[in-house]
Amino acid sequence: MNEWIEQLKGRFLVFDGPDGSGKTTQFRRFAAWLTEQGCDVVEVREPGGTSIGEQVRSILLDSANTEMTICCEMLLYMASRNQLVEEVISPALERGAVVLADRFISSTLAYQGTAGGLDRARIMDIGRMVIGSHWPDCTLVFDVDSSTAARRRGGDTDRMEEKGQAFQDQVRTGYLEQVREDPGRTLLIDASPDEDTVFAELCTAIEAFTSSNATSTG
């Protein structure tokens, strides 16, 4: 096993980005690849990942729930997140597994914060209560232009994807803000090329992150 893969044990990595960025495709590919390398990998998704979380997910993504306020939306995401942290993420990290999450609090900051208009500092205050000490070691933000994202999303949409292009543009802005604010732990991945090229960039970025982190803490 490569040294940098060994260093991922007990680490928490988040794959995030706008709908249509291709993050889930890369998430699944990286999880399968790590498993092939002999890693203990735990995959989770947000919202969901637990019985309670999946019930919350069905409410959040139901297109019929047009009356939901942005604050209610944020709190439901946080509730699902807390259940996921306590039930799945915390035990997995304690046993030394690599935890990979498809979305996490970075999504809330982009969707309900920057795009939705909620104060990001207040979101972080709630996040600290919900997440406790189990913050991601690294968040990978997959970025594409709006037209590429729209084409990849296709025709099937959920409630979040139906909020319109202006909203989606603000979501992208929110992710890019997070990269600028914390470039050491929030890494930008150009997701516009083909799948193999993006995967190669992803692996290079994670290897560089683990090597740098090992050097700074070793």
Protein backbone atom coordinates (compact mmCIF):
# COMPACT_ATOMS: atom_id res chain seq x y z
CA MET A 1 0.00 0.00 0.00
CA ASN A 2 1.31 3.47 -0.91
CA GLU A 3 2.41 5.54 2.06
CA TRP A 4 -0.08 8.31 1.39
CA ILE A 5 -2.94 5.81 1.28
CA GLU A 6 -1.78 4.42 4.62
CA GLN A 7 -1.92 7.95 6.01
CA LEU A 8 -5.64 8.16 5.17
CA LYS A 9 -6.52 5.74 7.97
CA GLY A 10 -8.73 7.47 10.50
CA ARG A 11 -9.23 10.44 8.19
CA PHE A 12 -12.51 12.06 7.14
CA LEU A 13 -12.76 13.28 3.54
CA VAL A 14 -15.74 15.10 2.03
CA PHE A 15 -16.61 15.21 -1.66
CA ASP A 16 -18.70 18.28 -2.45
CA GLY A 17 -19.74 20.67 -5.17
CA PRO A 18 -22.77 21.90 -7.10
CA ASP A 19 -25.32 19.47 -8.49
CA GLY A 20 -23.97 18.21 -11.80
CA SER A 21 -20.31 18.65 -10.87
CA GLY A 22 -19.62 14.91 -11.09
CA LYS A 23 -18.61 14.63 -7.43
CA THR A 24 -20.69 11.50 -6.78
CA THR A 25 -19.12 9.68 -9.74
CA GLN A 26 -15.65 10.47 -8.37
CA PHE A 27 -16.75 9.63 -4.83
CA ARG A 28 -17.83 6.15 -5.87
CA ARG A 29 -14.73 5.58 -7.97
CA PHE A 30 -12.34 6.69 -5.23
CA ALA A 31 -14.14 4.61 -2.59
CA ALA A 32 -13.94 1.51 -4.80
CA TRP A 33 -10.27 2.16 -5.55
CA LEU A 34 -9.38 2.59 -1.87
CA THR A 35 -11.20 -0.63 -1.06
CA GLU A 36 -9.15 -2.42 -3.74
CA GLN A 37 -6.01 -1.12 -2.00
CA GLY A 38 -7.08 -2.91 1.18
CA CYS A 39 -8.47 0.09 3.07
CA ASP A 40 -11.35 -0.06 5.51
CA VAL A 41 -13.64 2.46 3.80
CA VAL A 42 -16.93 3.79 5.16
CA GLU A 43 -19.11 5.65 2.65
CA VAL A 44 -21.85 8.02 3.74
CA ARG A 45 -24.09 10.49 1.97
CA GLU A 46 -25.93 13.62 2.99
CA PRO A 47 -28.66 14.00 3.77
CA GLY A 48 -29.13 10.39 4.82
CA GLY A 49 -26.77 7.60 5.73
CA THR A 50 -28.90 6.41 8.66
CA SER A 51 -32.50 5.27 9.00
CA ILE A 52 -33.49 8.62 10.51
CA GLY A 53 -31.36 10.54 8.02
CA GLU A 54 -32.97 8.83 5.04
CA GLN A 55 -36.39 9.84 6.32
CA VAL A 56 -35.19 13.42 6.62
CA ARG A 57 -33.75 13.16 3.09
CA SER A 58 -37.13 12.22 1.65
CA ILE A 59 -38.65 15.36 3.20
CA LEU A 60 -35.85 17.66 2.06
CA LEU A 61 -35.76 16.51 -1.56
CA ASP A 62 -39.52 16.11 -2.08
CA SER A 63 -40.52 18.62 -4.77
CA ALA A 64 -43.96 18.91 -3.17
CA ASN A 65 -42.51 20.67 -0.11
CA THR A 66 -42.43 24.10 -1.73
CA GLU A 67 -43.46 25.87 1.49
CA MET A 68 -40.34 24.85 3.42
CA THR A 69 -38.43 27.84 4.77
CA ILE A 70 -34.69 28.12 4.27
CA CYS A 71 -34.11 28.00 8.04
CA CYS A 72 -36.22 24.83 8.37
CA GLU A 73 -34.25 23.38 5.47
CA MET A 74 -30.92 24.13 7.14
CA LEU A 75 -32.01 22.67 10.47
CA LEU A 76 -33.24 19.46 8.83
CA TYR A 77 -29.87 19.02 7.15
CA MET A 78 -28.17 19.58 10.49
CA ALA A 79 -30.43 17.07 12.22
CA SER A 80 -29.61 14.39 9.66
CA ARG A 81 -25.92 15.31 9.98
CA ASN A 82 -25.87 14.92 13.75
CA GLN A 83 -27.42 11.46 13.53
CA LEU A 84 -24.86 10.50 10.89
CA VAL A 85 -21.92 11.74 12.97
CA GLU A 86 -23.02 9.98 16.13
CA GLU A 87 -24.20 6.74 14.56
CA VAL A 88 -21.72 6.15 11.74
CA ILE A 89 -18.87 8.65 11.35
CA SER A 90 -17.59 8.76 14.92
CA PRO A 91 -17.39 4.95 15.41
CA ALA A 92 -15.75 4.51 12.00
CA LEU A 93 -13.04 7.08 12.68
CA GLU A 94 -12.39 5.62 16.12
CA ARG A 95 -11.59 2.22 14.60
CA GLY A 96 -9.27 3.80 12.02
CA ALA A 97 -11.45 3.58 8.92
CA VAL A 98 -11.28 6.07 6.06
CA VAL A 99 -14.60 7.92 6.06
CA LEU A 100 -15.77 9.36 2.75
CA ALA A 101 -18.83 11.62 2.70
CA ASP A 102 -20.84 12.70 -0.32
CA ARG A 103 -21.61 16.24 0.96
CA PHE A 104 -21.28 17.64 4.47
CA ILE A 105 -21.46 21.06 6.16
CA SER A 106 -19.76 22.65 3.15
CA SER A 107 -23.02 22.03 1.27
CA THR A 108 -25.04 23.81 3.94
CA LEU A 109 -22.71 26.80 3.81
CA ALA A 110 -23.08 26.99 0.01
CA TYR A 111 -26.77 26.14 -0.45
CA GLN A 112 -28.48 27.57 2.62
CA GLY A 113 -25.75 30.11 3.40
CA THR A 114 -24.39 31.86 0.31
CA ALA A 115 -27.28 30.95 -2.02
CA GLY A 116 -30.07 30.82 0.56
CA GLY A 117 -29.15 33.98 2.44
CA LEU A 118 -28.64 32.56 5.92
CA ASP A 119 -25.78 33.98 7.95
CA ARG A 120 -22.81 31.66 7.53
CA ALA A 121 -21.44 32.43 10.99
CA ARG A 122 -24.72 31.23 12.53
CA ILE A 123 -24.60 28.09 10.40
CA MET A 124 -21.11 27.41 11.74
CA ASP A 125 -22.30 27.94 15.32
CA ILE A 126 -24.97 25.28 14.85
CA GLY A 127 -22.47 23.10 13.00
CA ARG A 128 -20.10 23.10 15.97
CA MET A 129 -22.87 21.74 18.18
CA VAL A 130 -23.96 19.16 15.61
CA ILE A 131 -20.53 17.92 14.50
CA GLY A 132 -18.57 18.22 17.72
CA SER A 133 -14.96 17.22 17.15
CA HIS A 134 -15.60 15.27 13.94
CA TRP A 135 -14.90 17.96 11.34
CA PRO A 136 -13.60 16.85 7.93
CA ASP A 137 -9.84 16.62 7.57
CA CYS A 138 -10.22 17.65 3.94
CA THR A 139 -13.07 18.82 1.70
CA LEU A 140 -12.72 18.35 -2.05
CA VAL A 141 -14.81 20.82 -4.05
CA PHE A 142 -15.57 19.72 -7.61
CA ASP A 143 -16.09 22.75 -9.81
CA VAL A 144 -17.62 23.09 -13.28
CA ASP A 145 -19.22 25.94 -15.18
CA SER A 146 -22.99 26.34 -15.07
CA SER A 147 -23.71 25.02 -18.56
CA THR A 148 -21.69 21.84 -17.95
CA ALA A 149 -23.40 21.26 -14.61
CA ALA A 150 -26.85 21.75 -16.13
CA ARG A 151 -26.09 19.30 -18.93
CA ARG A 152 -24.84 16.68 -16.47
CA ARG A 153 -27.88 17.03 -14.22
CA GLY A 154 -30.15 16.00 -17.06
CA GLY A 155 -33.94 16.04 -16.83
CA ASP A 156 -34.58 14.39 -13.46
CA THR A 157 -34.49 16.96 -10.67
CA ASP A 158 -35.24 17.12 -6.95
CA ARG A 159 -36.42 20.08 -4.88
CA MET A 160 -32.92 21.53 -4.49
CA GLU A 161 -32.16 21.25 -8.20
CA GLU A 162 -35.42 23.00 -9.09
CA LYS A 163 -34.44 26.31 -7.47
CA GLY A 164 -33.26 27.82 -10.75
CA GLN A 165 -30.03 28.74 -12.46
CA ALA A 166 -29.44 31.96 -10.51
CA PHE A 167 -29.59 29.95 -7.29
CA GLN A 168 -27.19 27.34 -8.69
CA ASP A 169 -24.77 30.09 -9.71
CA GLN A 170 -24.76 31.38 -6.14
CA VAL A 171 -24.16 27.86 -4.86
CA ARG A 172 -21.03 27.67 -7.00
CA THR A 173 -19.93 31.06 -5.65
CA GLY A 174 -20.39 29.72 -2.13
CA TYR A 175 -18.11 26.75 -2.75
CA LEU A 176 -15.42 28.91 -4.33
CA GLU A 177 -15.56 31.22 -1.31
CA GLN A 178 -14.84 28.28 0.97
CA VAL A 179 -11.83 27.28 -1.12
CA ARG A 180 -10.44 30.81 -0.90
CA GLU A 181 -11.05 31.02 2.84
CA ASP A 182 -9.43 27.70 3.76
CA PRO A 183 -7.19 26.52 0.90
CA GLY A 184 -5.24 24.19 3.18
CA ARG A 185 -8.24 21.98 3.95
CA THR A 186 -10.68 22.82 1.15
CA LEU A 187 -9.21 21.74 -2.19
CA LEU A 188 -10.51 22.78 -5.60
CA ILE A 189 -10.83 20.07 -8.26
CA ASP A 190 -11.43 21.10 -11.87
CA ALA A 191 -14.27 18.74 -12.74
CA SER A 192 -14.76 19.90 -16.34
CA PRO A 193 -12.46 17.34 -18.11
CA ASP A 194 -13.23 13.67 -18.70
CA GLU A 195 -13.75 11.30 -15.78
CA ASP A 196 -10.27 9.75 -15.91
CA THR A 197 -8.54 13.13 -15.92
CA VAL A 198 -10.60 14.33 -12.97
CA PHE A 199 -9.84 11.15 -11.04
CA ALA A 200 -6.12 11.58 -11.63
CA GLU A 201 -6.30 15.18 -10.37
CA LEU A 202 -8.30 14.01 -7.35
CA CYS A 203 -5.71 11.40 -6.37
CA THR A 204 -2.87 13.89 -6.84
CA ALA A 205 -4.63 16.45 -4.65
CA ILE A 206 -5.30 13.95 -1.86
CA GLU A 207 -1.74 12.60 -2.00
CA ALA A 208 -0.37 16.15 -1.73
CA PHE A 209 -2.72 16.90 1.17
CA THR A 210 -1.82 13.78 3.16
CA SER A 211 1.91 14.27 2.55
CA SER A 212 1.77 17.91 3.60
CA ASN A 213 -0.32 17.12 6.66
CA ALA A 214 1.99 14.30 7.71
CA THR A 215 4.99 16.61 7.36
CA SER A 216 3.39 19.41 9.36
CA THR A 217 2.23 17.15 12.18
CA GLY A 218 5.06 14.62 12.20
